[in-house]
């Protein structure tokens, strides 16, 4: 059984910029597809080892999973 996943933007500014992109923009299309894939299966894609997490991200955002 695959658990549903929550996908969030790291900042409101980033989310606002993303939402302002044209629907035909290839970056927006790719990002929407990636979000859809992650919602369906959080383990899709490349698994990044925790030792490779950027220390700045860990400290600034308190992340524990990429």
PDB file of N, CA and C in Angstrom:
ATOM      1  N   UNK A   1       0.840  -1.187   0.000  1.00  0.00           N
ATOM      2  CA  UNK A   1       0.000   0.000   0.000  1.00  0.00           C
ATOM      3  C   UNK A   1       0.881   1.246   0.000  1.00  0.00           C
ATOM      4  N   UNK A   2       0.577   2.171  -0.884  1.00  0.00           N
ATOM      5  CA  UNK A   2       1.330   3.415  -0.977  1.00  0.00           C
ATOM      6  C   UNK A   2       0.580   4.498  -0.214  1.00  0.00           C
ATOM      7  N   UNK A   3       1.290   5.167   0.699  1.00  0.00           N
ATOM      8  CA  UNK A   3       0.690   6.240   1.478  1.00  0.00           C
ATOM      9  C   UNK A   3       0.602   7.506   0.630  1.00  0.00           C
ATOM     10  N   UNK A   4      -0.459   8.288   0.782  1.00  0.00           N
ATOM     11  CA  UNK A   4      -0.522   9.561   0.075  1.00  0.00           C
ATOM     12  C   UNK A   4       0.536  10.513   0.629  1.00  0.00           C
ATOM     13  N   UNK A   5       1.028  11.388  -0.218  1.00  0.00           N
ATOM     14  CA  UNK A   5       2.087  12.308   0.174  1.00  0.00           C
ATOM     15  C   UNK A   5       1.606  13.745   0.081  1.00  0.00           C
ATOM     16  N   UNK A   6       2.182  14.601   0.901  1.00  0.00           N
ATOM     17  CA  UNK A   6       1.877  16.020   0.866  1.00  0.00           C
ATOM     18  C   UNK A   6       3.041  16.728   0.176  1.00  0.00           C
ATOM     19  N   UNK A   7       2.725  17.557  -0.805  1.00  0.00           N
ATOM     20  CA  UNK A   7       3.746  18.307  -1.526  1.00  0.00           C
ATOM     21  C   UNK A   7       3.527  19.778  -1.220  1.00  0.00           C
ATOM     22  N   UNK A   8       4.580  20.470  -0.765  1.00  0.00           N
ATOM     23  CA  UNK A   8       4.480  21.890  -0.433  1.00  0.00           C
ATOM     24  C   UNK A   8       5.647  22.652  -1.052  1.00  0.00           C
ATOM     25  N   UNK A   9       5.433  23.942  -1.289  1.00  0.00           N
ATOM     26  CA  UNK A   9       6.510  24.815  -1.731  1.00  0.00           C
ATOM     27  C   UNK A   9       7.263  25.296  -0.501  1.00  0.00           C
ATOM     28  N   UNK A  10       8.543  25.568  -0.675  1.00  0.00           N
ATOM     29  CA  UNK A  10       9.376  25.944   0.464  1.00  0.00           C
ATOM     30  C   UNK A  10       9.070  27.369   0.937  1.00  0.00           C
ATOM     31  N   UNK A  11       8.482  28.199   0.060  1.00  0.00           N
ATOM     32  CA  UNK A  11       8.115  29.555   0.470  1.00  0.00           C
ATOM     33  C   UNK A  11       6.886  30.013  -0.314  1.00  0.00           C
ATOM     34  N   UNK A  12       6.176  30.969   0.252  1.00  0.00           N
ATOM     35  CA  UNK A  12       5.008  31.524  -0.427  1.00  0.00           C
ATOM     36  C   UNK A  12       5.428  32.259  -1.691  1.00  0.00           C
ATOM     37  N   UNK A  13       6.603  32.894  -1.646  1.00  0.00           N
ATOM     38  CA  UNK A  13       7.114  33.624  -2.810  1.00  0.00           C
ATOM     39  C   UNK A  13       7.335  32.672  -3.992  1.00  0.00           C
ATOM     40  N   UNK A  14       7.905  31.517  -3.723  1.00  0.00           N
ATOM     41  CA  UNK A  14       8.133  30.523  -4.768  1.00  0.00           C
ATOM     42  C   UNK A  14       6.805  30.015  -5.325  1.00  0.00           C
ATOM     43  N   UNK A  15       5.862  29.742  -4.443  1.00  0.00           N
ATOM     44  CA  UNK A  15       4.555  29.256  -4.889  1.00  0.00           C
ATOM     45  C   UNK A  15       3.848  30.308  -5.742  1.00  0.00           C
ATOM     46  N   UNK A  16       3.932  31.565  -5.324  1.00  0.00           N
ATOM     47  CA  UNK A  16       3.309  32.651  -6.086  1.00  0.00           C
ATOM     48  C   UNK A  16       3.941  32.755  -7.476  1.00  0.00           C
ATOM     49  N   UNK A  17       5.270  32.705  -7.545  1.00  0.00           N
ATOM     50  CA  UNK A  17       5.960  32.756  -8.831  1.00  0.00           C
ATOM     51  C   UNK A  17       5.579  31.594  -9.725  1.00  0.00           C
ATOM     52  N   UNK A  18       5.468  30.415  -9.145  1.00  0.00           N
ATOM     53  CA  UNK A  18       5.065  29.230  -9.903  1.00  0.00           C
ATOM     54  C   UNK A  18       3.659  29.404 -10.457  1.00  0.00           C
ATOM     55  N   UNK A  19       2.748  29.892  -9.631  1.00  0.00           N
ATOM     56  CA  UNK A  19       1.360  30.068 -10.061  1.00  0.00           C
ATOM     57  C   UNK A  19       1.215  31.135 -11.140  1.00  0.00           C
ATOM     58  N   UNK A  20       2.174  32.066 -11.220  1.00  0.00           N
ATOM     59  CA  UNK A  20       2.126  33.110 -12.240  1.00  0.00           C
ATOM     60  C   UNK A  20       2.643  32.628 -13.592  1.00  0.00           C
ATOM     61  N   UNK A  21       3.293  31.464 -13.635  1.00  0.00           N
ATOM     62  CA  UNK A  21       3.797  30.934 -14.900  1.00  0.00           C
ATOM     63  C   UNK A  21       2.637  30.592 -15.829  1.00  0.00           C
ATOM     64  N   UNK A  22       2.876  30.775 -17.124  1.00  0.00           N
ATOM     65  CA  UNK A  22       1.899  30.414 -18.148  1.00  0.00           C
ATOM     66  C   UNK A  22       1.695  28.908 -18.124  1.00  0.00           C
ATOM     67  N   UNK A  23       0.487  28.446 -18.365  1.00  0.00           N
ATOM     68  CA  UNK A  23       0.181  27.017 -18.360  1.00  0.00           C
ATOM     69  C   UNK A  23       0.947  26.221 -19.398  1.00  0.00           C
ATOM     70  N   UNK A  24       1.421  26.886 -20.465  1.00  0.00           N
ATOM     71  CA  UNK A  24       2.177  26.207 -21.517  1.00  0.00           C
ATOM     72  C   UNK A  24       3.677  26.188 -21.240  1.00  0.00           C
ATOM     73  N   UNK A  25       4.118  26.826 -20.176  1.00  0.00           N
ATOM     74  CA  UNK A  25       5.545  26.881 -19.850  1.00  0.00           C
ATOM     75  C   UNK A  25       6.068  25.478 -19.550  1.00  0.00           C
ATOM     76  N   UNK A  26       7.164  25.061 -20.217  1.00  0.00           N
ATOM     77  CA  UNK A  26       7.677  23.701 -19.985  1.00  0.00           C
ATOM     78  C   UNK A  26       8.124  23.459 -18.540  1.00  0.00           C
ATOM     79  N   UNK A  27       8.588  24.498 -17.862  1.00  0.00           N
ATOM     80  CA  UNK A  27       8.992  24.341 -16.456  1.00  0.00           C
ATOM     81  C   UNK A  27       7.758  24.047 -15.603  1.00  0.00           C
ATOM     82  N   UNK A  28       6.673  24.773 -15.862  1.00  0.00           N
ATOM     83  CA  UNK A  28       5.447  24.544 -15.090  1.00  0.00           C
ATOM     84  C   UNK A  28       4.886  23.158 -15.376  1.00  0.00           C
ATOM     85  N   UNK A  29       4.874  22.759 -16.650  1.00  0.00           N
ATOM     86  CA  UNK A  29       4.359  21.434 -17.005  1.00  0.00           C
ATOM     87  C   UNK A  29       5.158  20.331 -16.314  1.00  0.00           C
ATOM     88  N   UNK A  30       6.487  20.451 -16.345  1.00  0.00           N
ATOM     89  CA  UNK A  30       7.332  19.440 -15.709  1.00  0.00           C
ATOM     90  C   UNK A  30       7.147  19.395 -14.207  1.00  0.00           C
ATOM     91  N   UNK A  31       7.017  20.574 -13.603  1.00  0.00           N
ATOM     92  CA  UNK A  31       6.833  20.644 -12.153  1.00  0.00           C
ATOM     93  C   UNK A  31       5.484  20.063 -11.745  1.00  0.00           C
ATOM     94  N   UNK A  32       4.442  20.376 -12.497  1.00  0.00           N
ATOM     95  CA  UNK A  32       3.110  19.833 -12.205  1.00  0.00           C
ATOM     96  C   UNK A  32       3.138  18.312 -12.312  1.00  0.00           C
ATOM     97  N   UNK A  33       3.812  17.802 -13.337  1.00  0.00           N
ATOM     98  CA  UNK A  33       3.912  16.343 -13.501  1.00  0.00           C
ATOM     99  C   UNK A  33       4.678  15.714 -12.331  1.00  0.00           C
ATOM    100  N   UNK A  34       5.778  16.370 -11.914  1.00  0.00           N
ATOM    101  CA  UNK A  34       6.563  15.845 -10.791  1.00  0.00           C
ATOM    102  C   UNK A  34       5.742  15.847  -9.506  1.00  0.00           C
ATOM    103  N   UNK A  35       4.981  16.904  -9.266  1.00  0.00           N
ATOM    104  CA  UNK A  35       4.137  16.979  -8.069  1.00  0.00           C
ATOM    105  C   UNK A  35       3.095  15.861  -8.098  1.00  0.00           C
ATOM    106  N   UNK A  36       2.487  15.650  -9.264  1.00  0.00           N
ATOM    107  CA  UNK A  36       1.495  14.573  -9.408  1.00  0.00           C
ATOM    108  C   UNK A  36       2.134  13.217  -9.107  1.00  0.00           C
ATOM    109  N   UNK A  37       3.321  12.985  -9.671  1.00  0.00           N
ATOM    110  CA  UNK A  37       4.016  11.717  -9.431  1.00  0.00           C
ATOM    111  C   UNK A  37       4.347  11.536  -7.950  1.00  0.00           C
ATOM    112  N   UNK A  38       4.807  12.606  -7.293  1.00  0.00           N
ATOM    113  CA  UNK A  38       5.160  12.523  -5.873  1.00  0.00           C
ATOM    114  C   UNK A  38       3.935  12.290  -4.995  1.00  0.00           C
ATOM    115  N   UNK A  39       2.813  12.888  -5.368  1.00  0.00           N
ATOM    116  CA  UNK A  39       1.587  12.661  -4.592  1.00  0.00           C
ATOM    117  C   UNK A  39       1.160  11.207  -4.671  1.00  0.00           C
ATOM    118  N   UNK A  40       1.367  10.598  -5.835  1.00  0.00           N
ATOM    119  CA  UNK A  40       0.989   9.197  -6.020  1.00  0.00           C
ATOM    120  C   UNK A  40       1.971   8.245  -5.355  1.00  0.00           C
ATOM    121  N   UNK A  41       3.259   8.603  -5.382  1.00  0.00           N
ATOM    122  CA  UNK A  41       4.286   7.723  -4.824  1.00  0.00           C
ATOM    123  C   UNK A  41       5.480   8.564  -4.385  1.00  0.00           C
ATOM    124  N   UNK A  42       5.606   8.785  -3.081  1.00  0.00           N
ATOM    125  CA  UNK A  42       6.674   9.630  -2.548  1.00  0.00           C
ATOM    126  C   UNK A  42       8.061   9.048  -2.789  1.00  0.00           C
ATOM    127  N   UNK A  43       8.133   7.775  -3.155  1.00  0.00           N
ATOM    128  CA  UNK A  43       9.430   7.138  -3.354  1.00  0.00           C
ATOM    129  C   UNK A  43       9.853   7.104  -4.815  1.00  0.00           C
ATOM    130  N   UNK A  44       9.095   7.759  -5.694  1.00  0.00           N
ATOM    131  CA  UNK A  44       9.508   7.802  -7.096  1.00  0.00           C
ATOM    132  C   UNK A  44      10.695   8.762  -7.225  1.00  0.00           C
ATOM    133  N   UNK A  45      11.482   8.572  -8.236  1.00  0.00           N
ATOM    134  CA  UNK A  45      12.623   9.453  -8.463  1.00  0.00           C
ATOM    135  C   UNK A  45      13.870   8.979  -7.743  1.00  0.00           C
ATOM    136  N   UNK A  46      14.823   9.869  -7.637  1.00  0.00           N
ATOM    137  CA  UNK A  46      16.126   9.556  -7.051  1.00  0.00           C
ATOM    138  C   UNK A  46      16.083   9.810  -5.546  1.00  0.00           C
ATOM    139  N   UNK A  47      16.496   8.815  -4.779  1.00  0.00           N
ATOM    140  CA  UNK A  47      16.560   8.961  -3.326  1.00  0.00           C
ATOM    141  C   UNK A  47      17.896   9.622  -2.962  1.00  0.00           C
ATOM    142  N   UNK A  48      17.848  10.782  -2.331  1.00  0.00           N
ATOM    143  CA  UNK A  48      19.049  11.524  -1.962  1.00  0.00           C
ATOM    144  C   UNK A  48      19.468  11.110  -0.559  1.00  0.00           C
ATOM    145  N   UNK A  49      20.706  10.601  -0.398  1.00  0.00           N
ATOM    146  CA  UNK A  49      21.167  10.240   0.945  1.00  0.00           C
ATOM    147  C   UNK A  49      21.211  11.474   1.856  1.00  0.00           C
ATOM    148  N   UNK A  50      20.838  11.288   3.112  1.00  0.00           N
ATOM    149  CA  UNK A  50      20.786  12.416   4.049  1.00  0.00           C
ATOM    150  C   UNK A  50      22.122  13.134   4.179  1.00  0.00           C
ATOM    151  N   UNK A  51      23.217  12.410   4.033  1.00  0.00           N
ATOM    152  CA  UNK A  51      24.539  13.045   4.153  1.00  0.00           C
ATOM    153  C   UNK A  51      24.794  14.039   3.014  1.00  0.00           C
ATOM    154  N   UNK A  52      23.997  13.967   1.943  1.00  0.00           N
ATOM    155  CA  UNK A  52      24.159  14.873   0.809  1.00  0.00           C
ATOM    156  C   UNK A  52      23.193  16.056   0.842  1.00  0.00           C
ATOM    157  N   UNK A  53      22.332  16.131   1.865  1.00  0.00           N
ATOM    158  CA  UNK A  53      21.429  17.272   1.988  1.00  0.00           C
ATOM    159  C   UNK A  53      22.274  18.529   2.192  1.00  0.00           C
ATOM    160  N   UNK A  54      21.995  19.613   1.480  1.00  0.00           N
ATOM    161  CA  UNK A  54      22.727  20.856   1.713  1.00  0.00           C
ATOM    162  C   UNK A  54      22.511  21.334   3.152  1.00  0.00           C
ATOM    163  N   UNK A  55      23.600  21.587   3.866  1.00  0.00           N
ATOM    164  CA  UNK A  55      23.497  21.990   5.277  1.00  0.00           C
ATOM    165  C   UNK A  55      22.686  23.267   5.443  1.00  0.00           C
ATOM    166  N   UNK A  56      22.790  24.166   4.466  1.00  0.00           N
ATOM    167  CA  UNK A  56      22.014  25.405   4.525  1.00  0.00           C
ATOM    168  C   UNK A  56      20.519  25.149   4.518  1.00  0.00           C
ATOM    169  N   UNK A  57      20.058  24.169   3.731  1.00  0.00           N
ATOM    170  CA  UNK A  57      18.638  23.814   3.696  1.00  0.00           C
ATOM    171  C   UNK A  57      18.205  23.231   5.038  1.00  0.00           C
ATOM    172  N   UNK A  58      19.035  22.357   5.579  1.00  0.00           N
ATOM    173  CA  UNK A  58      18.699  21.708   6.848  1.00  0.00           C
ATOM    174  C   UNK A  58      18.564  22.754   7.943  1.00  0.00           C
ATOM    175  N   UNK A  59      19.508  23.706   7.993  1.00  0.00           N
ATOM    176  CA  UNK A  59      19.489  24.726   9.037  1.00  0.00           C
ATOM    177  C   UNK A  59      18.374  25.748   8.814  1.00  0.00           C
ATOM    178  N   UNK A  60      18.231  26.229   7.571  1.00  0.00           N
ATOM    179  CA  UNK A  60      17.267  27.292   7.298  1.00  0.00           C
ATOM    180  C   UNK A  60      15.820  26.806   7.353  1.00  0.00           C
ATOM    181  N   UNK A  61      15.568  25.620   6.798  1.00  0.00           N
ATOM    182  CA  UNK A  61      14.200  25.141   6.673  1.00  0.00           C
ATOM    183  C   UNK A  61      13.862  23.981   7.597  1.00  0.00           C
ATOM    184  N   UNK A  62      14.851  23.452   8.305  1.00  0.00           N
ATOM    185  CA  UNK A  62      14.604  22.345   9.218  1.00  0.00           C
ATOM    186  C   UNK A  62      14.149  21.085   8.507  1.00  0.00           C
ATOM    187  N   UNK A  63      14.651  20.876   7.286  1.00  0.00           N
ATOM    188  CA  UNK A  63      14.223  19.699   6.525  1.00  0.00           C
ATOM    189  C   UNK A  63      14.859  18.434   7.074  1.00  0.00           C
ATOM    190  N   UNK A  64      14.191  17.322   6.855  1.00  0.00           N
ATOM    191  CA  UNK A  64      14.769  16.025   7.206  1.00  0.00           C
ATOM    192  C   UNK A  64      14.515  15.008   6.101  1.00  0.00           C
ATOM    193  N   UNK A  65      13.955  15.500   4.977  1.00  0.00           N
ATOM    194  CA  UNK A  65      13.662  14.614   3.861  1.00  0.00           C
ATOM    195  C   UNK A  65      13.634  15.436   2.578  1.00  0.00           C
ATOM    196  N   UNK A  66      14.289  14.930   1.542  1.00  0.00           N
ATOM    197  CA  UNK A  66      14.252  15.600   0.226  1.00  0.00           C
ATOM    198  C   UNK A  66      13.577  14.710  -0.779  1.00  0.00           C
TER     199      UNK A  66
END
